[in-house]
Protein backbone atom coordinates (compact mmCIF):
# COMPACT_ATOMS: atom_id res chain seq x y z
CA UNK A 1 0.00 0.00 0.00
CA UNK A 2 1.35 3.40 -0.96
CA UNK A 3 1.55 6.23 1.52
CA UNK A 4 0.08 9.46 0.20
CA UNK A 5 0.91 12.76 1.76
CA UNK A 6 -1.64 15.46 2.53
CA UNK A 7 -0.40 17.65 -0.33
CA UNK A 8 -1.29 14.92 -2.82
CA UNK A 9 -4.77 14.46 -1.33
CA UNK A 10 -5.36 18.23 -1.28
CA UNK A 11 -4.32 18.50 -4.93
CA UNK A 12 -6.81 15.85 -5.99
CA UNK A 13 -9.57 17.39 -3.88
CA UNK A 14 -8.92 20.78 -5.50
CA UNK A 15 -8.94 19.25 -8.98
CA UNK A 16 -12.28 17.63 -8.18
CA UNK A 17 -13.69 20.95 -6.94
CA UNK A 18 -12.36 22.68 -10.05
CA UNK A 19 -14.12 20.30 -12.43
CA UNK A 20 -17.35 20.56 -10.42
CA UNK A 21 -17.03 24.36 -10.66
CA UNK A 22 -16.42 24.06 -14.40
CA UNK A 23 -19.62 22.03 -14.89
CA UNK A 24 -21.71 24.43 -12.80
CA UNK A 25 -20.18 27.44 -14.57
CA UNK A 26 -20.89 25.92 -17.98
CA UNK A 27 -24.53 25.38 -17.06
CA UNK A 28 -24.74 28.95 -15.76
CA UNK A 29 -23.33 30.31 -19.02
CA UNK A 30 -25.75 28.15 -21.01
CA UNK A 31 -28.68 29.43 -18.95
CA UNK A 32 -27.51 33.02 -19.42
CA UNK A 33 -27.13 32.69 -23.18
CA UNK A 34 -30.41 30.84 -23.62
CA UNK A 35 -32.17 33.56 -21.64
CA UNK A 36 -30.47 36.22 -23.75
CA UNK A 37 -31.58 34.71 -27.05
CA UNK A 38 -34.98 33.68 -25.65
CA UNK A 39 -36.99 36.03 -23.46
CA UNK A 40 -34.30 38.66 -22.72
CA UNK A 41 -35.63 39.76 -19.32
CA UNK A 42 -33.59 42.71 -17.97
CA UNK A 43 -33.97 41.70 -14.30
CA UNK A 44 -32.79 38.17 -15.00
CA UNK A 45 -29.88 39.47 -17.05
CA UNK A 46 -28.67 41.48 -14.04
CA UNK A 47 -28.86 38.40 -11.82
CA UNK A 48 -26.92 36.31 -14.35
CA UNK A 49 -24.28 39.05 -14.56
CA UNK A 50 -23.81 38.94 -10.78
CA UNK A 51 -23.72 35.12 -10.72
CA UNK A 52 -21.20 34.97 -13.56
CA UNK A 53 -19.03 37.59 -11.86
CA UNK A 54 -19.05 35.70 -8.56
CA UNK A 55 -18.31 32.42 -10.32
CA UNK A 56 -15.36 33.98 -12.15
CA UNK A 57 -13.98 35.07 -8.77
CA UNK A 58 -14.47 31.58 -7.30
CA UNK A 59 -12.95 29.91 -10.36
CA UNK A 60 -10.00 32.27 -10.31
CA UNK A 61 -9.32 31.49 -6.67
CA UNK A 62 -9.46 27.74 -7.39
CA UNK A 63 -7.23 28.18 -10.44
CA UNK A 64 -4.64 30.19 -8.51
CA UNK A 65 -4.50 27.67 -5.67
CA UNK A 66 -4.13 24.79 -8.14
CA UNK A 67 -1.34 26.70 -9.92
CA UNK A 68 0.54 26.92 -6.60
CA UNK A 69 1.16 23.16 -6.87
CA UNK A 70 3.19 23.77 -10.07
CA UNK A 71 1.98 20.66 -11.85
CA UNK A 72 3.49 20.73 -15.37
CA UNK A 73 1.74 17.53 -16.44
CA UNK A 74 -1.42 16.89 -18.40
CA UNK A 75 -3.78 17.89 -15.58
CA UNK A 76 -2.02 21.25 -15.22
CA UNK A 77 -2.39 21.98 -18.92
CA UNK A 78 -6.03 20.87 -18.98
CA UNK A 79 -6.86 23.10 -16.00
CA UNK A 80 -5.06 26.06 -17.59
CA UNK A 81 -6.75 25.76 -20.98
CA UNK A 82 -10.24 25.06 -19.63
CA UNK A 83 -9.97 27.98 -17.21
CA UNK A 84 -8.97 30.45 -19.91
CA UNK A 85 -11.66 29.10 -22.25
CA UNK A 86 -14.31 29.43 -19.52
CA UNK A 87 -13.27 33.00 -18.68
CA UNK A 88 -13.26 33.95 -22.36
CA UNK A 89 -16.74 32.45 -22.78
CA UNK A 90 -17.93 34.34 -19.69
CA UNK A 91 -16.58 37.64 -21.00
CA UNK A 92 -18.31 37.07 -24.33
CA UNK A 93 -21.57 36.12 -22.59
CA UNK A 94 -21.46 39.21 -20.35
CA UNK A 95 -20.68 41.51 -23.28
CA UNK A 96 -23.66 40.20 -25.22
PDB file of N, CA and C in Angstrom:
ATOM      1  N   UNK A   1       0.849  -1.172   0.000  1.00  0.00           N
ATOM      2  CA  UNK A   1       0.000   0.000   0.000  1.00  0.00           C
ATOM      3  C   UNK A   1       0.897   1.238   0.000  1.00  0.00           C
ATOM      4  N   UNK A   2       0.571   2.179  -0.872  1.00  0.00           N
ATOM      5  CA  UNK A   2       1.353   3.403  -0.965  1.00  0.00           C
ATOM      6  C   UNK A   2       0.921   4.387   0.115  1.00  0.00           C
ATOM      7  N   UNK A   3       1.857   5.156   0.584  1.00  0.00           N
ATOM      8  CA  UNK A   3       1.553   6.226   1.523  1.00  0.00           C
ATOM      9  C   UNK A   3       1.438   7.531   0.747  1.00  0.00           C
ATOM     10  N   UNK A   4       0.303   8.184   0.866  1.00  0.00           N
ATOM     11  CA  UNK A   4       0.082   9.458   0.200  1.00  0.00           C
ATOM     12  C   UNK A   4       0.182  10.568   1.230  1.00  0.00           C
ATOM     13  N   UNK A   5       0.817  11.638   0.846  1.00  0.00           N
ATOM     14  CA  UNK A   5       0.909  12.764   1.765  1.00  0.00           C
ATOM     15  C   UNK A   5      -0.322  13.658   1.612  1.00  0.00           C
ATOM     16  N   UNK A   6      -0.468  14.583   2.539  1.00  0.00           N
ATOM     17  CA  UNK A   6      -1.641  15.456   2.532  1.00  0.00           C
ATOM     18  C   UNK A   6      -1.648  16.404   1.333  1.00  0.00           C
ATOM     19  N   UNK A   7      -0.469  16.774   0.842  1.00  0.00           N
ATOM     20  CA  UNK A   7      -0.398  17.652  -0.334  1.00  0.00           C
ATOM     21  C   UNK A   7      -1.006  16.956  -1.549  1.00  0.00           C
ATOM     22  N   UNK A   8      -0.750  15.689  -1.713  1.00  0.00           N
ATOM     23  CA  UNK A   8      -1.291  14.922  -2.823  1.00  0.00           C
ATOM     24  C   UNK A   8      -2.817  14.819  -2.728  1.00  0.00           C
ATOM     25  N   UNK A   9      -3.316  14.563  -1.543  1.00  0.00           N
ATOM     26  CA  UNK A   9      -4.768  14.460  -1.331  1.00  0.00           C
ATOM     27  C   UNK A   9      -5.431  15.813  -1.566  1.00  0.00           C
ATOM     28  N   UNK A  10      -4.799  16.891  -1.080  1.00  0.00           N
ATOM     29  CA  UNK A  10      -5.355  18.232  -1.277  1.00  0.00           C
ATOM     30  C   UNK A  10      -5.389  18.598  -2.758  1.00  0.00           C
ATOM     31  N   UNK A  11      -4.353  18.209  -3.501  1.00  0.00           N
ATOM     32  CA  UNK A  11      -4.322  18.496  -4.932  1.00  0.00           C
ATOM     33  C   UNK A  11      -5.486  17.814  -5.642  1.00  0.00           C
ATOM     34  N   UNK A  12      -5.721  16.556  -5.336  1.00  0.00           N
ATOM     35  CA  UNK A  12      -6.814  15.845  -5.991  1.00  0.00           C
ATOM     36  C   UNK A  12      -8.178  16.380  -5.569  1.00  0.00           C
ATOM     37  N   UNK A  13      -8.314  16.788  -4.326  1.00  0.00           N
ATOM     38  CA  UNK A  13      -9.574  17.394  -3.882  1.00  0.00           C
ATOM     39  C   UNK A  13      -9.821  18.709  -4.613  1.00  0.00           C
ATOM     40  N   UNK A  14      -8.774  19.512  -4.781  1.00  0.00           N
ATOM     41  CA  UNK A  14      -8.923  20.778  -5.504  1.00  0.00           C
ATOM     42  C   UNK A  14      -9.233  20.565  -6.977  1.00  0.00           C
ATOM     43  N   UNK A  15      -8.631  19.561  -7.579  1.00  0.00           N
ATOM     44  CA  UNK A  15      -8.935  19.248  -8.977  1.00  0.00           C
ATOM     45  C   UNK A  15     -10.392  18.823  -9.111  1.00  0.00           C
ATOM     46  N   UNK A  16     -10.867  18.026  -8.168  1.00  0.00           N
ATOM     47  CA  UNK A  16     -12.283  17.630  -8.182  1.00  0.00           C
ATOM     48  C   UNK A  16     -13.196  18.832  -8.045  1.00  0.00           C
ATOM     49  N   UNK A  17     -12.890  19.729  -7.111  1.00  0.00           N
ATOM     50  CA  UNK A  17     -13.686  20.946  -6.945  1.00  0.00           C
ATOM     51  C   UNK A  17     -13.644  21.818  -8.193  1.00  0.00           C
ATOM     52  N   UNK A  18     -12.488  21.871  -8.843  1.00  0.00           N
ATOM     53  CA  UNK A  18     -12.364  22.681 -10.050  1.00  0.00           C
ATOM     54  C   UNK A  18     -13.278  22.155 -11.152  1.00  0.00           C
ATOM     55  N   UNK A  19     -13.293  20.842 -11.357  1.00  0.00           N
ATOM     56  CA  UNK A  19     -14.124  20.303 -12.434  1.00  0.00           C
ATOM     57  C   UNK A  19     -15.611  20.383 -12.098  1.00  0.00           C
ATOM     58  N   UNK A  20     -15.961  20.319 -10.813  1.00  0.00           N
ATOM     59  CA  UNK A  20     -17.347  20.563 -10.417  1.00  0.00           C
ATOM     60  C   UNK A  20     -17.708  22.020 -10.711  1.00  0.00           C
ATOM     61  N   UNK A  21     -16.798  22.949 -10.359  1.00  0.00           N
ATOM     62  CA  UNK A  21     -17.031  24.361 -10.663  1.00  0.00           C
ATOM     63  C   UNK A  21     -17.184  24.570 -12.166  1.00  0.00           C
ATOM     64  N   UNK A  22     -16.370  23.903 -12.952  1.00  0.00           N
ATOM     65  CA  UNK A  22     -16.421  24.059 -14.401  1.00  0.00           C
ATOM     66  C   UNK A  22     -17.770  23.605 -14.956  1.00  0.00           C
ATOM     67  N   UNK A  23     -18.303  22.506 -14.450  1.00  0.00           N
ATOM     68  CA  UNK A  23     -19.621  22.026 -14.891  1.00  0.00           C
ATOM     69  C   UNK A  23     -20.719  23.006 -14.499  1.00  0.00           C
ATOM     70  N   UNK A  24     -20.685  23.472 -13.261  1.00  0.00           N
ATOM     71  CA  UNK A  24     -21.706  24.427 -12.798  1.00  0.00           C
ATOM     72  C   UNK A  24     -21.597  25.737 -13.582  1.00  0.00           C
ATOM     73  N   UNK A  25     -20.388  26.192 -13.826  1.00  0.00           N
ATOM     74  CA  UNK A  25     -20.177  27.436 -14.565  1.00  0.00           C
ATOM     75  C   UNK A  25     -20.640  27.303 -16.010  1.00  0.00           C
ATOM     76  N   UNK A  26     -20.422  26.155 -16.613  1.00  0.00           N
ATOM     77  CA  UNK A  26     -20.885  25.917 -17.982  1.00  0.00           C
ATOM     78  C   UNK A  26     -22.410  25.951 -18.059  1.00  0.00           C
ATOM     79  N   UNK A  27     -23.064  25.349 -17.087  1.00  0.00           N
ATOM     80  CA  UNK A  27     -24.530  25.376 -17.057  1.00  0.00           C
ATOM     81  C   UNK A  27     -25.029  26.810 -16.848  1.00  0.00           C
ATOM     82  N   UNK A  28     -24.352  27.559 -15.987  1.00  0.00           N
ATOM     83  CA  UNK A  28     -24.735  28.954 -15.765  1.00  0.00           C
ATOM     84  C   UNK A  28     -24.582  29.780 -17.037  1.00  0.00           C
ATOM     85  N   UNK A  29     -23.508  29.586 -17.763  1.00  0.00           N
ATOM     86  CA  UNK A  29     -23.328  30.307 -19.024  1.00  0.00           C
ATOM     87  C   UNK A  29     -24.377  29.902 -20.053  1.00  0.00           C
ATOM     88  N   UNK A  30     -24.704  28.616 -20.091  1.00  0.00           N
ATOM     89  CA  UNK A  30     -25.747  28.152 -21.012  1.00  0.00           C
ATOM     90  C   UNK A  30     -27.087  28.786 -20.657  1.00  0.00           C
ATOM     91  N   UNK A  31     -27.411  28.820 -19.374  1.00  0.00           N
ATOM     92  CA  UNK A  31     -28.676  29.431 -18.954  1.00  0.00           C
ATOM     93  C   UNK A  31     -28.703  30.915 -19.297  1.00  0.00           C
ATOM     94  N   UNK A  32     -27.582  31.590 -19.113  1.00  0.00           N
ATOM     95  CA  UNK A  32     -27.506  33.016 -19.417  1.00  0.00           C
ATOM     96  C   UNK A  32     -27.680  33.278 -20.906  1.00  0.00           C
ATOM     97  N   UNK A  33     -27.010  32.490 -21.732  1.00  0.00           N
ATOM     98  CA  UNK A  33     -27.127  32.695 -23.178  1.00  0.00           C
ATOM     99  C   UNK A  33     -28.495  32.283 -23.716  1.00  0.00           C
ATOM    100  N   UNK A  34     -29.074  31.229 -23.158  1.00  0.00           N
ATOM    101  CA  UNK A  34     -30.414  30.835 -23.615  1.00  0.00           C
ATOM    102  C   UNK A  34     -31.460  31.868 -23.207  1.00  0.00           C
ATOM    103  N   UNK A  35     -31.261  32.499 -22.055  1.00  0.00           N
ATOM    104  CA  UNK A  35     -32.175  33.559 -21.644  1.00  0.00           C
ATOM    105  C   UNK A  35     -31.976  34.795 -22.520  1.00  0.00           C
ATOM    106  N   UNK A  36     -30.757  35.061 -22.912  1.00  0.00           N
ATOM    107  CA  UNK A  36     -30.467  36.217 -23.751  1.00  0.00           C
ATOM    108  C   UNK A  36     -31.125  36.083 -25.117  1.00  0.00           C
ATOM    109  N   UNK A  37     -31.008  34.903 -25.728  1.00  0.00           N
ATOM    110  CA  UNK A  37     -31.583  34.706 -27.049  1.00  0.00           C
ATOM    111  C   UNK A  37     -33.040  34.277 -27.002  1.00  0.00           C
ATOM    112  N   UNK A  38     -33.578  34.077 -25.807  1.00  0.00           N
ATOM    113  CA  UNK A  38     -34.975  33.676 -25.649  1.00  0.00           C
ATOM    114  C   UNK A  38     -35.847  34.865 -25.264  1.00  0.00           C
ATOM    115  N   UNK A  39     -36.077  34.998 -23.960  1.00  0.00           N
ATOM    116  CA  UNK A  39     -36.992  36.027 -23.459  1.00  0.00           C
ATOM    117  C   UNK A  39     -36.333  37.398 -23.333  1.00  0.00           C
ATOM    118  N   UNK A  40     -35.055  37.427 -22.933  1.00  0.00           N
ATOM    119  CA  UNK A  40     -34.295  38.659 -22.718  1.00  0.00           C
ATOM    120  C   UNK A  40     -34.948  39.548 -21.666  1.00  0.00           C
ATOM    121  N   UNK A  41     -35.093  39.019 -20.453  1.00  0.00           N
ATOM    122  CA  UNK A  41     -35.635  39.759 -19.319  1.00  0.00           C
ATOM    123  C   UNK A  41     -34.512  40.564 -18.671  1.00  0.00           C
ATOM    124  N   UNK A  42     -34.677  41.888 -18.525  1.00  0.00           N
ATOM    125  CA  UNK A  42     -33.588  42.713 -17.966  1.00  0.00           C
ATOM    126  C   UNK A  42     -33.239  42.355 -16.515  1.00  0.00           C
ATOM    127  N   UNK A  43     -34.249  42.034 -15.696  1.00  0.00           N
ATOM    128  CA  UNK A  43     -33.968  41.703 -14.302  1.00  0.00           C
ATOM    129  C   UNK A  43     -33.156  40.412 -14.196  1.00  0.00           C
ATOM    130  N   UNK A  44     -33.504  39.441 -15.019  1.00  0.00           N
ATOM    131  CA  UNK A  44     -32.790  38.169 -15.002  1.00  0.00           C
ATOM    132  C   UNK A  44     -31.381  38.325 -15.556  1.00  0.00           C
ATOM    133  N   UNK A  45     -31.212  39.221 -16.504  1.00  0.00           N
ATOM    134  CA  UNK A  45     -29.877  39.469 -17.049  1.00  0.00           C
ATOM    135  C   UNK A  45     -28.944  40.053 -15.990  1.00  0.00           C
ATOM    136  N   UNK A  46     -29.475  40.914 -15.122  1.00  0.00           N
ATOM    137  CA  UNK A  46     -28.666  41.480 -14.038  1.00  0.00           C
ATOM    138  C   UNK A  46     -28.252  40.398 -13.042  1.00  0.00           C
ATOM    139  N   UNK A  47     -29.164  39.491 -12.749  1.00  0.00           N
ATOM    140  CA  UNK A  47     -28.856  38.401 -11.824  1.00  0.00           C
ATOM    141  C   UNK A  47     -27.793  37.485 -12.425  1.00  0.00           C
ATOM    142  N   UNK A  48     -27.927  37.156 -13.703  1.00  0.00           N
ATOM    143  CA  UNK A  48     -26.923  36.314 -14.352  1.00  0.00           C
ATOM    144  C   UNK A  48     -25.559  37.002 -14.381  1.00  0.00           C
ATOM    145  N   UNK A  49     -25.540  38.317 -14.575  1.00  0.00           N
ATOM    146  CA  UNK A  49     -24.280  39.049 -14.564  1.00  0.00           C
ATOM    147  C   UNK A  49     -23.599  38.935 -13.198  1.00  0.00           C
ATOM    148  N   UNK A  50     -24.368  39.069 -12.131  1.00  0.00           N
ATOM    149  CA  UNK A  50     -23.811  38.938 -10.776  1.00  0.00           C
ATOM    150  C   UNK A  50     -23.323  37.518 -10.532  1.00  0.00           C
ATOM    151  N   UNK A  51     -24.114  36.522 -10.915  1.00  0.00           N
ATOM    152  CA  UNK A  51     -23.716  35.118 -10.715  1.00  0.00           C
ATOM    153  C   UNK A  51     -22.456  34.777 -11.507  1.00  0.00           C
ATOM    154  N   UNK A  52     -22.389  35.244 -12.741  1.00  0.00           N
ATOM    155  CA  UNK A  52     -21.203  34.972 -13.559  1.00  0.00           C
ATOM    156  C   UNK A  52     -19.983  35.652 -12.952  1.00  0.00           C
ATOM    157  N   UNK A  53     -20.147  36.879 -12.482  1.00  0.00           N
ATOM    158  CA  UNK A  53     -19.025  37.587 -11.861  1.00  0.00           C
ATOM    159  C   UNK A  53     -18.531  36.862 -10.613  1.00  0.00           C
ATOM    160  N   UNK A  54     -19.448  36.425  -9.761  1.00  0.00           N
ATOM    161  CA  UNK A  54     -19.054  35.696  -8.556  1.00  0.00           C
ATOM    162  C   UNK A  54     -18.403  34.358  -8.896  1.00  0.00           C
ATOM    163  N   UNK A  55     -18.902  33.690  -9.924  1.00  0.00           N
ATOM    164  CA  UNK A  55     -18.310  32.421 -10.325  1.00  0.00           C
ATOM    165  C   UNK A  55     -16.930  32.601 -10.942  1.00  0.00           C
ATOM    166  N   UNK A  56     -16.700  33.705 -11.634  1.00  0.00           N
ATOM    167  CA  UNK A  56     -15.355  33.979 -12.146  1.00  0.00           C
ATOM    168  C   UNK A  56     -14.393  34.178 -10.977  1.00  0.00           C
ATOM    169  N   UNK A  57     -14.833  34.873  -9.943  1.00  0.00           N
ATOM    170  CA  UNK A  57     -13.982  35.073  -8.767  1.00  0.00           C
ATOM    171  C   UNK A  57     -13.672  33.739  -8.093  1.00  0.00           C
ATOM    172  N   UNK A  58     -14.683  32.886  -7.933  1.00  0.00           N
ATOM    173  CA  UNK A  58     -14.466  31.583  -7.299  1.00  0.00           C
ATOM    174  C   UNK A  58     -13.564  30.700  -8.163  1.00  0.00           C
ATOM    175  N   UNK A  59     -13.783  30.703  -9.465  1.00  0.00           N
ATOM    176  CA  UNK A  59     -12.948  29.909 -10.361  1.00  0.00           C
ATOM    177  C   UNK A  59     -11.520  30.400 -10.395  1.00  0.00           C
ATOM    178  N   UNK A  60     -11.337  31.712 -10.329  1.00  0.00           N
ATOM    179  CA  UNK A  60      -9.999  32.270 -10.308  1.00  0.00           C
ATOM    180  C   UNK A  60      -9.264  31.872  -9.035  1.00  0.00           C
ATOM    181  N   UNK A  61      -9.971  31.897  -7.916  1.00  0.00           N
ATOM    182  CA  UNK A  61      -9.318  31.485  -6.666  1.00  0.00           C
ATOM    183  C   UNK A  61      -8.931  30.006  -6.713  1.00  0.00           C
ATOM    184  N   UNK A  62      -9.816  29.156  -7.240  1.00  0.00           N
ATOM    185  CA  UNK A  62      -9.463  27.744  -7.395  1.00  0.00           C
ATOM    186  C   UNK A  62      -8.282  27.568  -8.344  1.00  0.00           C
ATOM    187  N   UNK A  63      -8.298  28.280  -9.458  1.00  0.00           N
ATOM    188  CA  UNK A  63      -7.231  28.183 -10.436  1.00  0.00           C
ATOM    189  C   UNK A  63      -5.886  28.608  -9.844  1.00  0.00           C
ATOM    190  N   UNK A  64      -5.886  29.711  -9.092  1.00  0.00           N
ATOM    191  CA  UNK A  64      -4.635  30.187  -8.511  1.00  0.00           C
ATOM    192  C   UNK A  64      -4.087  29.226  -7.462  1.00  0.00           C
ATOM    193  N   UNK A  65      -4.960  28.628  -6.671  1.00  0.00           N
ATOM    194  CA  UNK A  65      -4.498  27.669  -5.668  1.00  0.00           C
ATOM    195  C   UNK A  65      -3.964  26.413  -6.351  1.00  0.00           C
ATOM    196  N   UNK A  66      -4.624  25.967  -7.410  1.00  0.00           N
ATOM    197  CA  UNK A  66      -4.133  24.791  -8.140  1.00  0.00           C
ATOM    198  C   UNK A  66      -2.788  25.103  -8.789  1.00  0.00           C
ATOM    199  N   UNK A  67      -2.612  26.322  -9.294  1.00  0.00           N
ATOM    200  CA  UNK A  67      -1.341  26.697  -9.920  1.00  0.00           C
ATOM    201  C   UNK A  67      -0.200  26.749  -8.907  1.00  0.00           C
ATOM    202  N   UNK A  68      -0.506  26.918  -7.619  1.00  0.00           N
ATOM    203  CA  UNK A  68       0.540  26.923  -6.600  1.00  0.00           C
ATOM    204  C   UNK A  68       1.232  25.564  -6.483  1.00  0.00           C
ATOM    205  N   UNK A  69       0.563  24.494  -6.917  1.00  0.00           N
ATOM    206  CA  UNK A  69       1.157  23.165  -6.866  1.00  0.00           C
ATOM    207  C   UNK A  69       2.205  22.961  -7.962  1.00  0.00           C
ATOM    208  N   UNK A  70       2.225  23.818  -8.968  1.00  0.00           N
ATOM    209  CA  UNK A  70       3.190  23.768 -10.074  1.00  0.00           C
ATOM    210  C   UNK A  70       3.234  22.389 -10.729  1.00  0.00           C
ATOM    211  N   UNK A  71       2.086  21.949 -11.197  1.00  0.00           N
ATOM    212  CA  UNK A  71       1.985  20.655 -11.851  1.00  0.00           C
ATOM    213  C   UNK A  71       2.133  20.854 -13.362  1.00  0.00           C
ATOM    214  N   UNK A  72       3.282  20.496 -13.938  1.00  0.00           N
ATOM    215  CA  UNK A  72       3.488  20.735 -15.374  1.00  0.00           C
ATOM    216  C   UNK A  72       2.901  19.634 -16.254  1.00  0.00           C
ATOM    217  N   UNK A  73       2.242  18.661 -15.680  1.00  0.00           N
ATOM    218  CA  UNK A  73       1.736  17.527 -16.444  1.00  0.00           C
ATOM    219  C   UNK A  73       0.456  17.834 -17.196  1.00  0.00           C
ATOM    220  N   UNK A  74      -0.201  16.780 -17.606  1.00  0.00           N
ATOM    221  CA  UNK A  74      -1.420  16.890 -18.403  1.00  0.00           C
ATOM    222  C   UNK A  74      -2.536  17.601 -17.644  1.00  0.00           C
ATOM    223  N   UNK A  75      -2.711  17.263 -16.374  1.00  0.00           N
ATOM    224  CA  UNK A  75      -3.780  17.895 -15.581  1.00  0.00           C
ATOM    225  C   UNK A  75      -3.550  19.398 -15.474  1.00  0.00           C
ATOM    226  N   UNK A  76      -2.318  19.815 -15.291  1.00  0.00           N
ATOM    227  CA  UNK A  76      -2.019  21.248 -15.219  1.00  0.00           C
ATOM    228  C   UNK A  76      -2.366  21.980 -16.497  1.00  0.00           C
ATOM    229  N   UNK A  77      -2.058  21.358 -17.635  1.00  0.00           N
ATOM    230  CA  UNK A  77      -2.390  21.985 -18.924  1.00  0.00           C
ATOM    231  C   UNK A  77      -3.892  22.007 -19.156  1.00  0.00           C
ATOM    232  N   UNK A  78      -4.582  20.920 -18.793  1.00  0.00           N
ATOM    233  CA  UNK A  78      -6.034  20.866 -18.981  1.00  0.00           C
ATOM    234  C   UNK A  78      -6.711  21.930 -18.130  1.00  0.00           C
ATOM    235  N   UNK A  79      -6.275  22.079 -16.887  1.00  0.00           N
ATOM    236  CA  UNK A  79      -6.855  23.097 -16.004  1.00  0.00           C
ATOM    237  C   UNK A  79      -6.606  24.488 -16.569  1.00  0.00           C
ATOM    238  N   UNK A  80      -5.395  24.739 -17.056  1.00  0.00           N
ATOM    239  CA  UNK A  80      -5.061  26.060 -17.587  1.00  0.00           C
ATOM    240  C   UNK A  80      -5.911  26.395 -18.810  1.00  0.00           C
ATOM    241  N   UNK A  81      -6.013  25.477 -19.758  1.00  0.00           N
ATOM    242  CA  UNK A  81      -6.751  25.762 -20.984  1.00  0.00           C
ATOM    243  C   UNK A  81      -8.263  25.848 -20.746  1.00  0.00           C
ATOM    244  N   UNK A  82      -8.802  24.979 -19.895  1.00  0.00           N
ATOM    245  CA  UNK A  82     -10.241  25.057 -19.626  1.00  0.00           C
ATOM    246  C   UNK A  82     -10.596  26.311 -18.851  1.00  0.00           C
ATOM    247  N   UNK A  83      -9.705  26.745 -17.957  1.00  0.00           N
ATOM    248  CA  UNK A  83      -9.970  27.980 -17.212  1.00  0.00           C
ATOM    249  C   UNK A  83     -10.010  29.180 -18.152  1.00  0.00           C
ATOM    250  N   UNK A  84      -8.994  29.302 -19.005  1.00  0.00           N
ATOM    251  CA  UNK A  84      -8.967  30.451 -19.910  1.00  0.00           C
ATOM    252  C   UNK A  84     -10.115  30.408 -20.905  1.00  0.00           C
ATOM    253  N   UNK A  85     -10.511  29.221 -21.357  1.00  0.00           N
ATOM    254  CA  UNK A  85     -11.663  29.102 -22.248  1.00  0.00           C
ATOM    255  C   UNK A  85     -12.945  29.506 -21.528  1.00  0.00           C
ATOM    256  N   UNK A  86     -13.110  29.087 -20.277  1.00  0.00           N
ATOM    257  CA  UNK A  86     -14.314  29.429 -19.516  1.00  0.00           C
ATOM    258  C   UNK A  86     -14.392  30.926 -19.254  1.00  0.00           C
ATOM    259  N   UNK A  87     -13.266  31.553 -18.919  1.00  0.00           N
ATOM    260  CA  UNK A  87     -13.270  33.002 -18.679  1.00  0.00           C
ATOM    261  C   UNK A  87     -13.550  33.763 -19.966  1.00  0.00           C
ATOM    262  N   UNK A  88     -12.980  33.309 -21.067  1.00  0.00           N
ATOM    263  CA  UNK A  88     -13.258  33.949 -22.356  1.00  0.00           C
ATOM    264  C   UNK A  88     -14.736  33.813 -22.725  1.00  0.00           C
ATOM    265  N   UNK A  89     -15.313  32.639 -22.506  1.00  0.00           N
ATOM    266  CA  UNK A  89     -16.739  32.449 -22.778  1.00  0.00           C
ATOM    267  C   UNK A  89     -17.592  33.324 -21.868  1.00  0.00           C
ATOM    268  N   UNK A  90     -17.178  33.497 -20.623  1.00  0.00           N
ATOM    269  CA  UNK A  90     -17.927  34.337 -19.694  1.00  0.00           C
ATOM    270  C   UNK A  90     -17.863  35.803 -20.109  1.00  0.00           C
ATOM    271  N   UNK A  91     -16.707  36.253 -20.548  1.00  0.00           N
ATOM    272  CA  UNK A  91     -16.575  37.644 -21.004  1.00  0.00           C
ATOM    273  C   UNK A  91     -17.440  37.894 -22.233  1.00  0.00           C
ATOM    274  N   UNK A  92     -17.454  36.931 -23.138  1.00  0.00           N
ATOM    275  CA  UNK A  92     -18.312  37.074 -24.331  1.00  0.00           C
ATOM    276  C   UNK A  92     -19.778  37.074 -23.942  1.00  0.00           C
ATOM    277  N   UNK A  93     -20.167  36.190 -23.016  1.00  0.00           N
ATOM    278  CA  UNK A  93     -21.574  36.124 -22.595  1.00  0.00           C
ATOM    279  C   UNK A  93     -21.995  37.411 -21.886  1.00  0.00           C
ATOM    280  N   UNK A  94     -21.124  37.974 -21.073  1.00  0.00           N
ATOM    281  CA  UNK A  94     -21.456  39.207 -20.354  1.00  0.00           C
ATOM    282  C   UNK A  94     -21.531  40.382 -21.326  1.00  0.00           C
ATOM    283  N   UNK A  95     -20.653  40.406 -22.315  1.00  0.00           N
ATOM    284  CA  UNK A  95     -20.678  41.511 -23.280  1.00  0.00           C
ATOM    285  C   UNK A  95     -21.922  41.473 -24.168  1.00  0.00           C
ATOM    286  N   UNK A  96     -22.445  40.286 -24.402  1.00  0.00           N
ATOM    287  CA  UNK A  96     -23.659  40.203 -25.219  1.00  0.00           C
ATOM    288  C   UNK A  96     -24.831  40.710 -24.415  1.00  0.00           C
TER     289      UNK A  96
END
